[in-house]
């Protein structure tokens, strides 16, 4: 089997991060694969450094006729048996041919983009139900979750690097600075936690609005905007607690990342996290858009080492049972090999 993975994607984002994680892991695991992506130089360089064969294409709008031609040439040259598209734009550009067309759905996407595809992969049960409800047959819809890459050699980011007291309770939020991520709710909650500090790792269009809100709430001195970061293990190891306040989140890989890094987790009840976590067991779950409830949950964890240890232990069990690197890679290999054999 030769697998070609296809992704347009932005310069930064959760799906883009996991694309690189999975591609590197499959490469290391010996899968014969190649990649076609939009030309983001840093991502291209990182994937090539991981040993991946990478071509680029424009992935433009509906007038872009070049990308399908480049994809067809690539797939033929590599004698691809499976082509896997990530997200709608890549799926719309992926041509049919003697290869099986597979798409990985990380959200509740409009299924019109996947007409004519052979198989779909959902990353949580809710997305799989969405696909089945759209009329897809059970045998062509597969469930494969994400896993988290942990850098075993990474040391915690020194708090002094970001002018943060060594003894202060430190909260960490990761994600794009966008209204759906609920970071304004988190900043409001922080006003009720006068001893806590907050690191926000991410970039996006809401940065100025969030900085303005932090100043208005009087918490700007305890908030650090770190920009987009790739050193997630080092950040997790520096923090006392991971908080994930999204209003809308179809999956939420941050939940698995917190569990894999042994960091307690407080999360809002957006669709993906609400379906994934076991409230009160491996994470504290709070209502979306409820700053007082979020502050109270954060305070509970910060004030109770026993509760924090319980959440960490249960999260580690979930990773071992459902979200391990080895387990997820095995499911990808088994599923894609079977698709290639039965094409």
C-alpha atoms as a PDB file:
ATOM      1  CA  UNK A   1       0.000   0.000   0.000  1.00  0.00           C
ATOM      2  CA  UNK A   2       1.093   3.541  -0.763  1.00  0.00           C
ATOM      3  CA  UNK A   3      -0.738   6.247   1.172  1.00  0.00           C
ATOM      4  CA  UNK A   4      -0.884   9.830  -0.079  1.00  0.00           C
ATOM      5  CA  UNK A   5      -2.166  12.340   2.478  1.00  0.00           C
ATOM      6  CA  UNK A   6      -3.578  15.618   1.167  1.00  0.00           C
ATOM      7  CA  UNK A   7      -4.177  18.779   3.197  1.00  0.00           C
ATOM      8  CA  UNK A   8      -4.627  22.468   2.384  1.00  0.00           C
ATOM      9  CA  UNK A   9      -4.790  23.915   5.899  1.00  0.00           C
ATOM     10  CA  UNK A  10      -3.764  27.167   7.497  1.00  0.00           C
ATOM     11  CA  UNK A  11      -0.336  28.063   8.807  1.00  0.00           C
ATOM     12  CA  UNK A  12      -1.460  27.095  12.323  1.00  0.00           C
ATOM     13  CA  UNK A  13      -4.282  25.083  13.795  1.00  0.00           C
ATOM     14  CA  UNK A  14      -5.201  21.958  15.685  1.00  0.00           C
ATOM     15  CA  UNK A  15      -5.919  19.822  12.617  1.00  0.00           C
ATOM     16  CA  UNK A  16      -2.728  21.050  10.975  1.00  0.00           C
ATOM     17  CA  UNK A  17      -0.736  20.145  14.079  1.00  0.00           C
ATOM     18  CA  UNK A  18      -2.155  16.639  14.201  1.00  0.00           C
ATOM     19  CA  UNK A  19      -1.606  16.183  10.458  1.00  0.00           C
ATOM     20  CA  UNK A  20       2.113  16.700  11.024  1.00  0.00           C
ATOM     21  CA  UNK A  21       2.055  14.493  14.131  1.00  0.00           C
ATOM     22  CA  UNK A  22       0.336  11.616  12.344  1.00  0.00           C
ATOM     23  CA  UNK A  23       2.407  11.918   9.180  1.00  0.00           C
ATOM     24  CA  UNK A  24       5.638  11.826  11.175  1.00  0.00           C
ATOM     25  CA  UNK A  25       4.454   8.889  13.261  1.00  0.00           C
ATOM     26  CA  UNK A  26       3.359   6.857  10.225  1.00  0.00           C
ATOM     27  CA  UNK A  27       6.689   7.613   8.569  1.00  0.00           C
ATOM     28  CA  UNK A  28       8.567   6.434  11.642  1.00  0.00           C
ATOM     29  CA  UNK A  29       6.352   3.345  11.730  1.00  0.00           C
ATOM     30  CA  UNK A  30       7.452   2.374   8.227  1.00  0.00           C
ATOM     31  CA  UNK A  31       4.328   3.278   6.229  1.00  0.00           C
ATOM     32  CA  UNK A  32       4.983   3.943   2.534  1.00  0.00           C
ATOM     33  CA  UNK A  33       3.503   7.409   2.162  1.00  0.00           C
ATOM     34  CA  UNK A  34       3.783  10.790   0.499  1.00  0.00           C
ATOM     35  CA  UNK A  35       2.172  14.152   1.238  1.00  0.00           C
ATOM     36  CA  UNK A  36       0.698  16.989  -0.818  1.00  0.00           C
ATOM     37  CA  UNK A  37       0.062  20.177   1.148  1.00  0.00           C
ATOM     38  CA  UNK A  38      -0.172  23.927   0.778  1.00  0.00           C
ATOM     39  CA  UNK A  39       3.242  25.576   0.723  1.00  0.00           C
ATOM     40  CA  UNK A  40       3.715  26.654   4.327  1.00  0.00           C
ATOM     41  CA  UNK A  41       7.546  26.632   4.459  1.00  0.00           C
ATOM     42  CA  UNK A  42       7.919  25.793   8.153  1.00  0.00           C
ATOM     43  CA  UNK A  43       5.546  22.816   7.899  1.00  0.00           C
ATOM     44  CA  UNK A  44       7.147  21.575   4.692  1.00  0.00           C
ATOM     45  CA  UNK A  45      10.605  21.793   6.269  1.00  0.00           C
ATOM     46  CA  UNK A  46       9.500  20.010   9.456  1.00  0.00           C
ATOM     47  CA  UNK A  47       7.835  17.179   7.546  1.00  0.00           C
ATOM     48  CA  UNK A  48      10.847  16.702   5.286  1.00  0.00           C
ATOM     49  CA  UNK A  49      13.103  16.684   8.331  1.00  0.00           C
ATOM     50  CA  UNK A  50      10.935  13.841   9.648  1.00  0.00           C
ATOM     51  CA  UNK A  51      11.696  11.881   6.473  1.00  0.00           C
ATOM     52  CA  UNK A  52       8.392  12.524   4.664  1.00  0.00           C
ATOM     53  CA  UNK A  53       8.153  13.022   0.911  1.00  0.00           C
ATOM     54  CA  UNK A  54       6.327  16.325   0.428  1.00  0.00           C
ATOM     55  CA  UNK A  55       4.980  18.074  -2.663  1.00  0.00           C
ATOM     56  CA  UNK A  56       3.052  21.343  -2.594  1.00  0.00           C
ATOM     57  CA  UNK A  57       0.009  22.658  -4.451  1.00  0.00           C
ATOM     58  CA  UNK A  58      -1.914  25.972  -4.366  1.00  0.00           C
ATOM     59  CA  UNK A  59      -5.264  24.649  -3.012  1.00  0.00           C
ATOM     60  CA  UNK A  60      -6.979  27.799  -4.201  1.00  0.00           C
ATOM     61  CA  UNK A  61     -10.667  28.572  -4.696  1.00  0.00           C
ATOM     62  CA  UNK A  62     -13.072  27.163  -7.256  1.00  0.00           C
ATOM     63  CA  UNK A  63     -11.129  28.753 -10.128  1.00  0.00           C
ATOM     64  CA  UNK A  64      -8.008  26.782  -9.183  1.00  0.00           C
ATOM     65  CA  UNK A  65      -7.629  24.127 -11.870  1.00  0.00           C
ATOM     66  CA  UNK A  66      -3.958  23.495 -11.167  1.00  0.00           C
ATOM     67  CA  UNK A  67      -4.244  21.649  -7.862  1.00  0.00           C
ATOM     68  CA  UNK A  68      -6.326  18.693  -9.155  1.00  0.00           C
ATOM     69  CA  UNK A  69      -3.844  18.240 -12.011  1.00  0.00           C
ATOM     70  CA  UNK A  70      -0.885  18.284  -9.622  1.00  0.00           C
ATOM     71  CA  UNK A  71      -2.634  15.837  -7.319  1.00  0.00           C
ATOM     72  CA  UNK A  72      -3.398  13.434 -10.151  1.00  0.00           C
ATOM     73  CA  UNK A  73       0.213  13.578 -11.334  1.00  0.00           C
ATOM     74  CA  UNK A  74       1.481  12.940  -7.809  1.00  0.00           C
ATOM     75  CA  UNK A  75      -0.882  10.031  -7.187  1.00  0.00           C
ATOM     76  CA  UNK A  76       0.023   8.372 -10.471  1.00  0.00           C
ATOM     77  CA  UNK A  77       3.750   8.911  -9.997  1.00  0.00           C
ATOM     78  CA  UNK A  78       3.639   7.294  -6.557  1.00  0.00           C
ATOM     79  CA  UNK A  79       1.183   4.576  -7.618  1.00  0.00           C
ATOM     80  CA  UNK A  80      -1.008   5.486  -4.681  1.00  0.00           C
ATOM     81  CA  UNK A  81      -3.483   2.889  -3.497  1.00  0.00           C
ATOM     82  CA  UNK A  82      -5.114   5.167  -0.882  1.00  0.00           C
ATOM     83  CA  UNK A  83      -5.458   8.966  -0.972  1.00  0.00           C
ATOM     84  CA  UNK A  84      -6.573  10.501   2.326  1.00  0.00           C
ATOM     85  CA  UNK A  85      -7.928  14.051   2.359  1.00  0.00           C
ATOM     86  CA  UNK A  86      -7.967  16.306   5.419  1.00  0.00           C
ATOM     87  CA  UNK A  87     -10.842  18.801   5.573  1.00  0.00           C
ATOM     88  CA  UNK A  88     -13.137  20.159   2.886  1.00  0.00           C
ATOM     89  CA  UNK A  89     -10.786  22.015   0.557  1.00  0.00           C
ATOM     90  CA  UNK A  90      -8.451  19.054   0.127  1.00  0.00           C
ATOM     91  CA  UNK A  91     -11.421  16.750  -0.436  1.00  0.00           C
ATOM     92  CA  UNK A  92     -12.876  19.068  -3.079  1.00  0.00           C
ATOM     93  CA  UNK A  93      -9.589  19.039  -5.020  1.00  0.00           C
ATOM     94  CA  UNK A  94      -8.814  15.322  -4.749  1.00  0.00           C
ATOM     95  CA  UNK A  95      -9.439  13.621  -8.114  1.00  0.00           C
ATOM     96  CA  UNK A  96     -10.873  10.159  -8.568  1.00  0.00           C
ATOM     97  CA  UNK A  97      -8.752   7.393 -10.031  1.00  0.00           C
ATOM     98  CA  UNK A  98      -7.563   3.849  -9.364  1.00  0.00           C
ATOM     99  CA  UNK A  99      -6.810   4.829  -5.776  1.00  0.00           C
ATOM    100  CA  UNK A 100      -9.319   4.646  -2.914  1.00  0.00           C
ATOM    101  CA  UNK A 101     -10.423   8.097  -1.778  1.00  0.00           C
ATOM    102  CA  UNK A 102     -10.631   8.389   2.015  1.00  0.00           C
ATOM    103  CA  UNK A 103     -11.303  11.482   4.108  1.00  0.00           C
ATOM    104  CA  UNK A 104     -10.557  12.123   7.752  1.00  0.00           C
ATOM    105  CA  UNK A 105     -13.272  14.255   9.368  1.00  0.00           C
ATOM    106  CA  UNK A 106     -12.257  16.202  12.430  1.00  0.00           C
ATOM    107  CA  UNK A 107     -15.527  18.122  12.586  1.00  0.00           C
ATOM    108  CA  UNK A 108     -19.190  18.026  11.651  1.00  0.00           C
ATOM    109  CA  UNK A 109     -18.442  18.914   8.044  1.00  0.00           C
ATOM    110  CA  UNK A 110     -20.950  19.262   5.213  1.00  0.00           C
ATOM    111  CA  UNK A 111     -20.954  15.820   3.637  1.00  0.00           C
ATOM    112  CA  UNK A 112     -21.435  17.269   0.147  1.00  0.00           C
ATOM    113  CA  UNK A 113     -17.647  17.631  -0.067  1.00  0.00           C
ATOM    114  CA  UNK A 114     -17.246  13.856   0.250  1.00  0.00           C
ATOM    115  CA  UNK A 115     -19.604  12.629  -2.462  1.00  0.00           C
ATOM    116  CA  UNK A 116     -17.882   9.905  -4.443  1.00  0.00           C
ATOM    117  CA  UNK A 117     -15.422   9.071  -1.656  1.00  0.00           C
ATOM    118  CA  UNK A 118     -14.971   5.428  -0.754  1.00  0.00           C
ATOM    119  CA  UNK A 119     -14.520   5.669   3.022  1.00  0.00           C
ATOM    120  CA  UNK A 120     -14.665   8.284   5.780  1.00  0.00           C
ATOM    121  CA  UNK A 121     -12.773   8.323   9.076  1.00  0.00           C
ATOM    122  CA  UNK A 122     -14.333  10.074  12.082  1.00  0.00           C
ATOM    123  CA  UNK A 123     -12.255  11.041  15.093  1.00  0.00           C
ATOM    124  CA  UNK A 124     -15.039  10.899  17.720  1.00  0.00           C
ATOM    125  CA  UNK A 125     -18.279   8.892  17.940  1.00  0.00           C
ATOM    126  CA  UNK A 126     -20.439  12.001  17.461  1.00  0.00           C
ATOM    127  CA  UNK A 127     -18.866  12.754  14.082  1.00  0.00           C
ATOM    128  CA  UNK A 128     -19.338   9.125  13.074  1.00  0.00           C
ATOM    129  CA  UNK A 129     -23.040   9.391  13.959  1.00  0.00           C
ATOM    130  CA  UNK A 130     -23.228  12.590  11.900  1.00  0.00           C
ATOM    131  CA  UNK A 131     -21.862  10.710   8.878  1.00  0.00           C
ATOM    132  CA  UNK A 132     -24.180   7.742   9.360  1.00  0.00           C
ATOM    133  CA  UNK A 133     -27.141  10.091   9.745  1.00  0.00           C
ATOM    134  CA  UNK A 134     -26.111  11.566   6.398  1.00  0.00           C
ATOM    135  CA  UNK A 135     -26.780   8.220   4.734  1.00  0.00           C
ATOM    136  CA  UNK A 136     -23.352   6.602   4.675  1.00  0.00           C
ATOM    137  CA  UNK A 137     -23.256   2.805   5.182  1.00  0.00           C
ATOM    138  CA  UNK A 138     -21.746   1.580   8.426  1.00  0.00           C
ATOM    139  CA  UNK A 139     -19.002  -0.496   6.785  1.00  0.00           C
ATOM    140  CA  UNK A 140     -17.559   2.580   5.057  1.00  0.00           C
ATOM    141  CA  UNK A 141     -17.375   4.806   8.157  1.00  0.00           C
ATOM    142  CA  UNK A 142     -14.514   4.211  10.593  1.00  0.00           C
ATOM    143  CA  UNK A 143     -13.716   5.605  14.035  1.00  0.00           C
ATOM    144  CA  UNK A 144     -10.071   6.436  14.752  1.00  0.00           C
ATOM    145  CA  UNK A 145      -9.284   8.986  17.481  1.00  0.00           C
ATOM    146  CA  UNK A 146      -6.306  11.286  17.756  1.00  0.00           C
ATOM    147  CA  UNK A 147      -3.303  10.642  19.938  1.00  0.00           C
ATOM    148  CA  UNK A 148      -0.829  13.039  21.488  1.00  0.00           C
ATOM    149  CA  UNK A 149       2.899  13.161  20.812  1.00  0.00           C
ATOM    150  CA  UNK A 150       4.823  13.606  24.071  1.00  0.00           C
ATOM    151  CA  UNK A 151       8.425  14.823  23.979  1.00  0.00           C
ATOM    152  CA  UNK A 152       9.946  12.677  26.715  1.00  0.00           C
ATOM    153  CA  UNK A 153      13.090  14.808  26.805  1.00  0.00           C
ATOM    154  CA  UNK A 154      11.426  18.224  27.092  1.00  0.00           C
ATOM    155  CA  UNK A 155      12.038  20.226  30.248  1.00  0.00           C
ATOM    156  CA  UNK A 156       9.338  22.604  31.531  1.00  0.00           C
ATOM    157  CA  UNK A 157       9.423  26.094  30.071  1.00  0.00           C
ATOM    158  CA  UNK A 158      11.075  28.233  32.761  1.00  0.00           C
ATOM    159  CA  UNK A 159       8.465  30.518  34.250  1.00  0.00           C
ATOM    160  CA  UNK A 160      11.028  33.275  34.438  1.00  0.00           C
ATOM    161  CA  UNK A 161      11.084  33.295  30.613  1.00  0.00           C
ATOM    162  CA  UNK A 162       7.602  34.800  30.766  1.00  0.00           C
ATOM    163  CA  UNK A 163       7.947  36.883  33.909  1.00  0.00           C
ATOM    164  CA  UNK A 164       5.785  34.497  35.945  1.00  0.00           C
ATOM    165  CA  UNK A 165       6.365  33.813  39.655  1.00  0.00           C
ATOM    166  CA  UNK A 166       7.707  30.333  40.343  1.00  0.00           C
ATOM    167  CA  UNK A 167       5.206  29.715  43.143  1.00  0.00           C
ATOM    168  CA  UNK A 168       2.051  31.074  41.438  1.00  0.00           C
ATOM    169  CA  UNK A 169      -0.707  28.678  40.355  1.00  0.00           C
ATOM    170  CA  UNK A 170      -0.281  28.579  36.574  1.00  0.00           C
ATOM    171  CA  UNK A 171      -3.132  27.912  34.141  1.00  0.00           C
ATOM    172  CA  UNK A 172      -2.455  26.991  30.507  1.00  0.00           C
ATOM    173  CA  UNK A 173      -4.822  27.438  27.542  1.00  0.00           C
ATOM    174  CA  UNK A 174      -3.888  26.305  24.041  1.00  0.00           C
ATOM    175  CA  UNK A 175      -5.701  27.114  20.821  1.00  0.00           C
ATOM    176  CA  UNK A 176      -6.469  29.628  18.138  1.00  0.00           C
ATOM    177  CA  UNK A 177      -7.418  33.100  19.383  1.00  0.00           C
ATOM    178  CA  UNK A 178     -10.945  33.017  18.008  1.00  0.00           C
ATOM    179  CA  UNK A 179     -14.341  33.713  19.626  1.00  0.00           C
ATOM    180  CA  UNK A 180     -15.344  30.025  19.543  1.00  0.00           C
ATOM    181  CA  UNK A 181     -12.462  29.197  21.894  1.00  0.00           C
ATOM    182  CA  UNK A 182     -14.089  31.020  24.818  1.00  0.00           C
ATOM    183  CA  UNK A 183     -10.898  32.704  25.995  1.00  0.00           C
ATOM    184  CA  UNK A 184     -12.883  35.800  26.957  1.00  0.00           C
ATOM    185  CA  UNK A 185     -14.767  33.595  29.441  1.00  0.00           C
ATOM    186  CA  UNK A 186     -11.465  32.352  30.826  1.00  0.00           C
ATOM    187  CA  UNK A 187     -10.148  35.886  31.298  1.00  0.00           C
ATOM    188  CA  UNK A 188     -13.350  36.792  33.129  1.00  0.00           C
ATOM    189  CA  UNK A 189     -12.932  33.744  35.371  1.00  0.00           C
ATOM    190  CA  UNK A 190      -9.322  34.706  36.055  1.00  0.00           C
ATOM    191  CA  UNK A 191     -10.549  37.907  37.708  1.00  0.00           C
ATOM    192  CA  UNK A 192     -12.008  35.671  40.454  1.00  0.00           C
ATOM    193  CA  UNK A 193      -8.689  33.838  40.930  1.00  0.00           C
ATOM    194  CA  UNK A 194      -6.400  36.627  42.158  1.00  0.00           C
ATOM    195  CA  UNK A 195      -3.459  34.328  42.902  1.00  0.00           C
ATOM    196  CA  UNK A 196      -3.451  32.512  39.529  1.00  0.00           C
ATOM    197  CA  UNK A 197      -1.534  33.342  36.363  1.00  0.00           C
ATOM    198  CA  UNK A 198      -2.471  32.374  32.829  1.00  0.00           C
ATOM    199  CA  UNK A 199      -0.434  31.471  29.769  1.00  0.00           C
ATOM    200  CA  UNK A 200      -2.304  31.479  26.439  1.00  0.00           C
ATOM    201  CA  UNK A 201      -0.484  29.657  23.628  1.00  0.00           C
ATOM    202  CA  UNK A 202      -1.978  30.472  20.241  1.00  0.00           C
ATOM    203  CA  UNK A 203      -2.533  33.138  17.625  1.00  0.00           C
ATOM    204  CA  UNK A 204      -5.569  34.435  15.821  1.00  0.00           C
ATOM    205  CA  UNK A 205      -7.802  37.393  15.002  1.00  0.00           C
ATOM    206  CA  UNK A 206      -8.978  37.950  18.591  1.00  0.00           C
ATOM    207  CA  UNK A 207      -5.603  38.725  20.109  1.00  0.00           C
ATOM    208  CA  UNK A 208      -6.078  42.491  20.351  1.00  0.00           C
ATOM    209  CA  UNK A 209      -9.624  42.109  21.696  1.00  0.00           C
ATOM    210  CA  UNK A 210      -8.450  39.642  24.330  1.00  0.00           C
ATOM    211  CA  UNK A 211      -5.553  41.862  25.387  1.00  0.00           C
ATOM    212  CA  UNK A 212      -7.974  44.776  25.694  1.00  0.00           C
ATOM    213  CA  UNK A 213     -10.380  42.667  27.765  1.00  0.00           C
ATOM    214  CA  UNK A 214      -7.560  41.505  30.070  1.00  0.00           C
ATOM    215  CA  UNK A 215      -6.628  45.134  30.723  1.00  0.00           C
ATOM    216  CA  UNK A 216     -10.251  46.111  31.374  1.00  0.00           C
ATOM    217  CA  UNK A 217     -10.695  43.231  33.827  1.00  0.00           C
ATOM    218  CA  UNK A 218      -7.492  44.153  35.650  1.00  0.00           C
ATOM    219  CA  UNK A 219      -5.806  40.799  34.958  1.00  0.00           C
ATOM    220  CA  UNK A 220      -3.370  41.821  32.205  1.00  0.00           C
ATOM    221  CA  UNK A 221      -0.444  41.692  34.610  1.00  0.00           C
ATOM    222  CA  UNK A 222      -1.122  37.981  35.213  1.00  0.00           C
ATOM    223  CA  UNK A 223      -1.719  36.952  31.583  1.00  0.00           C
ATOM    224  CA  UNK A 224       0.952  36.048  29.059  1.00  0.00           C
ATOM    225  CA  UNK A 225       0.128  35.746  25.345  1.00  0.00           C
ATOM    226  CA  UNK A 226       2.792  33.361  24.055  1.00  0.00           C
ATOM    227  CA  UNK A 227       1.857  33.223  20.365  1.00  0.00           C
ATOM    228  CA  UNK A 228       1.714  29.970  18.435  1.00  0.00           C
ATOM    229  CA  UNK A 229       3.918  27.334  20.064  1.00  0.00           C
ATOM    230  CA  UNK A 230       5.131  23.894  19.017  1.00  0.00           C
ATOM    231  CA  UNK A 231       6.698  23.028  22.415  1.00  0.00           C
ATOM    232  CA  UNK A 232       3.476  21.753  23.970  1.00  0.00           C
ATOM    233  CA  UNK A 233       5.152  19.214  26.216  1.00  0.00           C
ATOM    234  CA  UNK A 234       7.377  21.893  27.749  1.00  0.00           C
ATOM    235  CA  UNK A 235       4.363  24.168  28.278  1.00  0.00           C
ATOM    236  CA  UNK A 236       2.257  21.400  29.843  1.00  0.00           C
ATOM    237  CA  UNK A 237       5.061  20.522  32.228  1.00  0.00           C
ATOM    238  CA  UNK A 238       5.341  24.137  33.343  1.00  0.00           C
ATOM    239  CA  UNK A 239       1.623  24.454  34.125  1.00  0.00           C
ATOM    240  CA  UNK A 240      -0.404  23.350  37.125  1.00  0.00           C
ATOM    241  CA  UNK A 241      -3.646  22.985  35.187  1.00  0.00           C
ATOM    242  CA  UNK A 242      -4.889  22.955  31.587  1.00  0.00           C
ATOM    243  CA  UNK A 243      -8.131  24.823  30.886  1.00  0.00           C
ATOM    244  CA  UNK A 244     -10.150  24.395  27.684  1.00  0.00           C
ATOM    245  CA  UNK A 245     -13.118  26.837  27.681  1.00  0.00           C
ATOM    246  CA  UNK A 246     -14.332  26.465  24.070  1.00  0.00           C
ATOM    247  CA  UNK A 247     -17.879  27.406  23.110  1.00  0.00           C
ATOM    248  CA  UNK A 248     -17.675  25.145  20.055  1.00  0.00           C
ATOM    249  CA  UNK A 249     -15.273  22.241  19.709  1.00  0.00           C
ATOM    250  CA  UNK A 250     -16.089  19.191  17.570  1.00  0.00           C
ATOM    251  CA  UNK A 251     -13.187  17.220  19.020  1.00  0.00           C
ATOM    252  CA  UNK A 252     -10.696  18.969  21.272  1.00  0.00           C
ATOM    253  CA  UNK A 253      -7.311  17.257  21.075  1.00  0.00           C
ATOM    254  CA  UNK A 254      -6.240  19.401  24.032  1.00  0.00           C
ATOM    255  CA  UNK A 255      -8.152  16.995  26.300  1.00  0.00           C
ATOM    256  CA  UNK A 256      -5.989  14.057  25.228  1.00  0.00           C
ATOM    257  CA  UNK A 257      -2.860  16.222  25.369  1.00  0.00           C
ATOM    258  CA  UNK A 258      -3.553  17.173  28.987  1.00  0.00           C
ATOM    259  CA  UNK A 259      -4.117  13.515  29.942  1.00  0.00           C
ATOM    260  CA  UNK A 260      -0.998  12.366  28.098  1.00  0.00           C
ATOM    261  CA  UNK A 261       1.127  14.974  29.870  1.00  0.00           C
ATOM    262  CA  UNK A 262      -0.236  14.291  33.338  1.00  0.00           C
ATOM    263  CA  UNK A 263      -1.766  17.744  33.769  1.00  0.00           C
ATOM    264  CA  UNK A 264      -5.196  18.211  35.437  1.00  0.00           C
ATOM    265  CA  UNK A 265      -7.913  19.371  33.065  1.00  0.00           C
ATOM    266  CA  UNK A 266     -10.925  21.683  33.354  1.00  0.00           C
ATOM    267  CA  UNK A 267     -13.030  21.846  30.201  1.00  0.00           C
ATOM    268  CA  UNK A 268     -16.247  23.480  28.973  1.00  0.00           C
ATOM    269  CA  UNK A 269     -19.040  21.252  27.722  1.00  0.00           C
ATOM    270  CA  UNK A 270     -18.637  21.862  23.987  1.00  0.00           C
ATOM    271  CA  UNK A 271     -19.703  18.864  21.890  1.00  0.00           C
ATOM    272  CA  UNK A 272     -16.386  17.048  21.453  1.00  0.00           C
ATOM    273  CA  UNK A 273     -14.954  17.430  24.960  1.00  0.00           C
ATOM    274  CA  UNK A 274     -18.347  16.757  26.565  1.00  0.00           C
ATOM    275  CA  UNK A 275     -18.515  13.457  24.704  1.00  0.00           C
ATOM    276  CA  UNK A 276     -14.894  12.560  25.399  1.00  0.00           C
ATOM    277  CA  UNK A 277     -14.342  13.328  29.083  1.00  0.00           C
ATOM    278  CA  UNK A 278     -15.943  11.596  32.044  1.00  0.00           C
ATOM    279  CA  UNK A 279     -17.019  14.520  34.161  1.00  0.00           C
ATOM    280  CA  UNK A 280     -15.581  14.528  37.661  1.00  0.00           C
ATOM    281  CA  UNK A 281     -13.422  11.497  36.915  1.00  0.00           C
ATOM    282  CA  UNK A 282     -10.764  12.467  34.348  1.00  0.00           C
ATOM    283  CA  UNK A 283     -11.685  16.171  34.045  1.00  0.00           C
ATOM    284  CA  UNK A 284     -13.971  18.754  35.568  1.00  0.00           C
ATOM    285  CA  UNK A 285     -16.685  19.734  33.105  1.00  0.00           C
ATOM    286  CA  UNK A 286     -18.357  23.159  33.299  1.00  0.00           C
ATOM    287  CA  UNK A 287     -21.109  24.854  31.267  1.00  0.00           C
ATOM    288  CA  UNK A 288     -20.017  26.915  28.303  1.00  0.00           C
ATOM    289  CA  UNK A 289     -20.031  30.697  28.711  1.00  0.00           C
ATOM    290  CA  UNK A 290     -20.206  30.400  32.511  1.00  0.00           C
ATOM    291  CA  UNK A 291     -17.262  32.299  33.967  1.00  0.00           C
ATOM    292  CA  UNK A 292     -18.278  31.841  37.648  1.00  0.00           C
ATOM    293  CA  UNK A 293     -18.616  28.054  37.161  1.00  0.00           C
ATOM    294  CA  UNK A 294     -15.266  27.961  35.397  1.00  0.00           C
ATOM    295  CA  UNK A 295     -13.570  29.940  38.167  1.00  0.00           C
ATOM    296  CA  UNK A 296     -15.087  27.657  40.810  1.00  0.00           C
ATOM    297  CA  UNK A 297     -13.883  24.514  39.022  1.00  0.00           C
ATOM    298  CA  UNK A 298     -10.387  25.910  38.594  1.00  0.00           C
ATOM    299  CA  UNK A 299     -10.291  26.839  42.282  1.00  0.00           C
ATOM    300  CA  UNK A 300     -11.400  23.310  43.259  1.00  0.00           C
ATOM    301  CA  UNK A 301      -8.494  21.740  41.412  1.00  0.00           C
ATOM    302  CA  UNK A 302      -5.918  24.296  42.519  1.00  0.00           C
ATOM    303  CA  UNK A 303      -6.954  23.889  46.160  1.00  0.00           C
ATOM    304  CA  UNK A 304      -7.099  20.083  46.172  1.00  0.00           C
ATOM    305  CA  UNK A 305      -3.930  18.126  45.365  1.00  0.00           C
ATOM    306  CA  UNK A 306      -5.909  14.912  45.866  1.00  0.00           C
ATOM    307  CA  UNK A 307      -8.469  15.907  43.231  1.00  0.00           C
ATOM    308  CA  UNK A 308      -5.725  16.971  40.836  1.00  0.00           C
ATOM    309  CA  UNK A 309      -3.937  13.643  41.313  1.00  0.00           C
ATOM    310  CA  UNK A 310      -7.181  11.733  40.732  1.00  0.00           C
ATOM    311  CA  UNK A 311      -7.868  13.567  37.455  1.00  0.00           C
ATOM    312  CA  UNK A 312      -4.310  12.918  36.286  1.00  0.00           C
ATOM    313  CA  UNK A 313      -4.444   9.216  37.123  1.00  0.00           C
ATOM    314  CA  UNK A 314      -7.774   8.686  35.393  1.00  0.00           C
ATOM    315  CA  UNK A 315      -6.590  10.641  32.357  1.00  0.00           C
ATOM    316  CA  UNK A 316      -3.514   8.428  32.077  1.00  0.00           C
ATOM    317  CA  UNK A 317      -5.767   5.373  32.135  1.00  0.00           C
ATOM    318  CA  UNK A 318      -7.872   6.805  29.300  1.00  0.00           C
ATOM    319  CA  UNK A 319      -4.776   7.431  27.181  1.00  0.00           C
ATOM    320  CA  UNK A 320      -3.476   3.903  27.717  1.00  0.00           C
ATOM    321  CA  UNK A 321      -6.845   2.352  26.890  1.00  0.00           C
ATOM    322  CA  UNK A 322      -8.052   4.537  24.011  1.00  0.00           C
ATOM    323  CA  UNK A 323      -5.618   7.196  22.811  1.00  0.00           C
ATOM    324  CA  UNK A 324      -2.136   5.696  22.820  1.00  0.00           C
ATOM    325  CA  UNK A 325       0.202   6.367  19.914  1.00  0.00           C
ATOM    326  CA  UNK A 326       0.700   2.670  19.248  1.00  0.00           C
ATOM    327  CA  UNK A 327      -3.014   1.902  19.381  1.00  0.00           C
ATOM    328  CA  UNK A 328      -4.047   4.745  17.060  1.00  0.00           C
ATOM    329  CA  UNK A 329      -1.295   3.961  14.534  1.00  0.00           C
ATOM    330  CA  UNK A 330      -2.322   0.307  14.520  1.00  0.00           C
ATOM    331  CA  UNK A 331      -5.913   1.292  13.746  1.00  0.00           C
ATOM    332  CA  UNK A 332      -4.826   3.548  10.890  1.00  0.00           C
ATOM    333  CA  UNK A 333      -2.607   0.857   9.407  1.00  0.00           C
ATOM    334  CA  UNK A 334      -5.243  -1.853   9.725  1.00  0.00           C
ATOM    335  CA  UNK A 335      -8.021   0.339   8.288  1.00  0.00           C
ATOM    336  CA  UNK A 336      -6.009   1.730   5.378  1.00  0.00           C
ATOM    337  CA  UNK A 337      -4.497  -1.663   4.504  1.00  0.00           C
ATOM    338  CA  UNK A 338      -7.974  -3.203   4.416  1.00  0.00           C
ATOM    339  CA  UNK A 339      -9.271  -0.385   2.220  1.00  0.00           C
ATOM    340  CA  UNK A 340      -6.318  -0.814  -0.164  1.00  0.00           C
ATOM    341  CA  UNK A 341      -6.882  -4.579  -0.401  1.00  0.00           C
ATOM    342  CA  UNK A 342     -10.588  -4.307  -1.083  1.00  0.00           C
ATOM    343  CA  UNK A 343     -10.463  -1.381  -3.525  1.00  0.00           C
END
